[in-house]
Amino acid sequence: RCDVSDVIETPFRSFTTCDVHLLDGADHCVTVTDDPARATGVIVAFRGNLR
Protein backbone atom coordinates (compact mmCIF):
# COMPACT_ATOMS: atom_id res chain seq x y z
CA ARG A 1 0.00 0.00 0.00
CA CYS A 2 1.04 3.56 -0.65
CA ASP A 3 0.23 6.35 1.80
CA VAL A 4 0.28 10.06 0.89
CA SER A 5 3.31 10.47 3.17
CA ASP A 6 5.24 8.01 0.94
CA VAL A 7 5.24 10.36 -2.09
CA ILE A 8 6.83 13.82 -1.75
CA GLU A 9 6.00 15.12 -5.24
CA THR A 10 2.96 17.31 -5.86
CA PRO A 11 0.03 15.12 -6.93
CA PHE A 12 -1.52 15.39 -10.38
CA ARG A 13 -4.97 15.26 -8.73
CA SER A 14 -6.09 15.22 -5.09
CA PHE A 15 -9.28 13.65 -3.80
CA THR A 16 -10.76 13.19 -0.33
CA THR A 17 -9.42 9.66 0.05
CA CYS A 18 -6.30 9.70 -2.14
CA ASP A 19 -3.78 11.56 -4.31
CA VAL A 20 -3.03 10.49 -7.89
CA HIS A 21 0.51 10.82 -9.25
CA LEU A 22 1.49 10.17 -12.88
CA LEU A 23 4.56 8.11 -13.75
CA ASP A 24 6.77 8.58 -16.80
CA GLY A 25 8.68 5.43 -17.70
CA ALA A 26 9.79 6.47 -21.18
CA ASP A 27 13.45 6.87 -20.22
CA HIS A 28 15.62 4.39 -18.33
CA CYS A 29 14.46 5.85 -14.97
CA VAL A 30 10.84 6.08 -13.88
CA THR A 31 9.92 9.59 -12.71
CA VAL A 32 6.82 11.37 -11.46
CA THR A 33 5.38 13.74 -14.07
CA ASP A 34 2.53 16.22 -14.26
CA ASP A 35 2.15 15.71 -18.03
CA PRO A 36 -0.65 13.26 -18.91
CA ALA A 37 0.79 12.87 -22.43
CA ARG A 38 4.02 11.42 -20.97
CA ALA A 39 2.36 9.26 -18.32
CA THR A 40 2.90 5.51 -18.57
CA GLY A 41 1.55 4.63 -15.12
CA VAL A 42 -0.04 5.93 -11.94
CA ILE A 43 0.48 5.93 -8.19
CA VAL A 44 -2.62 6.06 -6.01
CA ALA A 45 -1.57 7.27 -2.55
CA PHE A 46 -4.31 6.76 0.02
CA ARG A 47 -5.18 9.01 2.96
CA GLY A 48 -5.80 7.50 6.35
CA ASN A 49 -6.90 3.97 7.06
CA LEU A 50 -9.20 2.56 4.37
CA ARG A 51 -10.82 -0.63 5.61
C-alpha atoms as a PDB file:
ATOM      1  CA  ARG A   1       0.000   0.000   0.000  1.00  0.00           C
ATOM      2  CA  CYS A   2       1.040   3.558  -0.648  1.00  0.00           C
ATOM      3  CA  ASP A   3       0.234   6.348   1.798  1.00  0.00           C
ATOM      4  CA  VAL A   4       0.284  10.060   0.892  1.00  0.00           C
ATOM      5  CA  SER A   5       3.311  10.472   3.168  1.00  0.00           C
ATOM      6  CA  ASP A   6       5.244   8.014   0.941  1.00  0.00           C
ATOM      7  CA  VAL A   7       5.243  10.358  -2.087  1.00  0.00           C
ATOM      8  CA  ILE A   8       6.829  13.820  -1.753  1.00  0.00           C
ATOM      9  CA  GLU A   9       5.997  15.115  -5.244  1.00  0.00           C
ATOM     10  CA  THR A  10       2.962  17.312  -5.860  1.00  0.00           C
ATOM     11  CA  PRO A  11       0.026  15.119  -6.928  1.00  0.00           C
ATOM     12  CA  PHE A  12      -1.523  15.393 -10.381  1.00  0.00           C
ATOM     13  CA  ARG A  13      -4.971  15.260  -8.734  1.00  0.00           C
ATOM     14  CA  SER A  14      -6.092  15.216  -5.094  1.00  0.00           C
ATOM     15  CA  PHE A  15      -9.281  13.645  -3.803  1.00  0.00           C
ATOM     16  CA  THR A  16     -10.758  13.195  -0.334  1.00  0.00           C
ATOM     17  CA  THR A  17      -9.418   9.656   0.049  1.00  0.00           C
ATOM     18  CA  CYS A  18      -6.297   9.701  -2.138  1.00  0.00           C
ATOM     19  CA  ASP A  19      -3.783  11.555  -4.308  1.00  0.00           C
ATOM     20  CA  VAL A  20      -3.031  10.492  -7.889  1.00  0.00           C
ATOM     21  CA  HIS A  21       0.513  10.825  -9.248  1.00  0.00           C
ATOM     22  CA  LEU A  22       1.486  10.169 -12.876  1.00  0.00           C
ATOM     23  CA  LEU A  23       4.555   8.107 -13.755  1.00  0.00           C
ATOM     24  CA  ASP A  24       6.772   8.576 -16.802  1.00  0.00           C
ATOM     25  CA  GLY A  25       8.677   5.431 -17.700  1.00  0.00           C
ATOM     26  CA  ALA A  26       9.789   6.472 -21.184  1.00  0.00           C
ATOM     27  CA  ASP A  27      13.453   6.868 -20.224  1.00  0.00           C
ATOM     28  CA  HIS A  28      15.619   4.389 -18.335  1.00  0.00           C
ATOM     29  CA  CYS A  29      14.459   5.849 -14.972  1.00  0.00           C
ATOM     30  CA  VAL A  30      10.838   6.084 -13.882  1.00  0.00           C
ATOM     31  CA  THR A  31       9.923   9.590 -12.706  1.00  0.00           C
ATOM     32  CA  VAL A  32       6.819  11.370 -11.457  1.00  0.00           C
ATOM     33  CA  THR A  33       5.379  13.738 -14.072  1.00  0.00           C
ATOM     34  CA  ASP A  34       2.525  16.223 -14.261  1.00  0.00           C
ATOM     35  CA  ASP A  35       2.151  15.715 -18.026  1.00  0.00           C
ATOM     36  CA  PRO A  36      -0.646  13.258 -18.913  1.00  0.00           C
ATOM     37  CA  ALA A  37       0.792  12.865 -22.432  1.00  0.00           C
ATOM     38  CA  ARG A  38       4.022  11.419 -20.968  1.00  0.00           C
ATOM     39  CA  ALA A  39       2.365   9.259 -18.316  1.00  0.00           C
ATOM     40  CA  THR A  40       2.895   5.512 -18.567  1.00  0.00           C
ATOM     41  CA  GLY A  41       1.546   4.627 -15.120  1.00  0.00           C
ATOM     42  CA  VAL A  42      -0.037   5.933 -11.937  1.00  0.00           C
ATOM     43  CA  ILE A  43       0.483   5.927  -8.189  1.00  0.00           C
ATOM     44  CA  VAL A  44      -2.622   6.062  -6.011  1.00  0.00           C
ATOM     45  CA  ALA A  45      -1.571   7.272  -2.555  1.00  0.00           C
ATOM     46  CA  PHE A  46      -4.308   6.764   0.021  1.00  0.00           C
ATOM     47  CA  ARG A  47      -5.181   9.010   2.956  1.00  0.00           C
ATOM     48  CA  GLY A  48      -5.798   7.495   6.353  1.00  0.00           C
ATOM     49  CA  ASN A  49      -6.902   3.970   7.065  1.00  0.00           C
ATOM     50  CA  LEU A  50      -9.198   2.564   4.369  1.00  0.00           C
ATOM     51  CA  ARG A  51     -10.816  -0.633   5.609  1.00  0.00           C
END
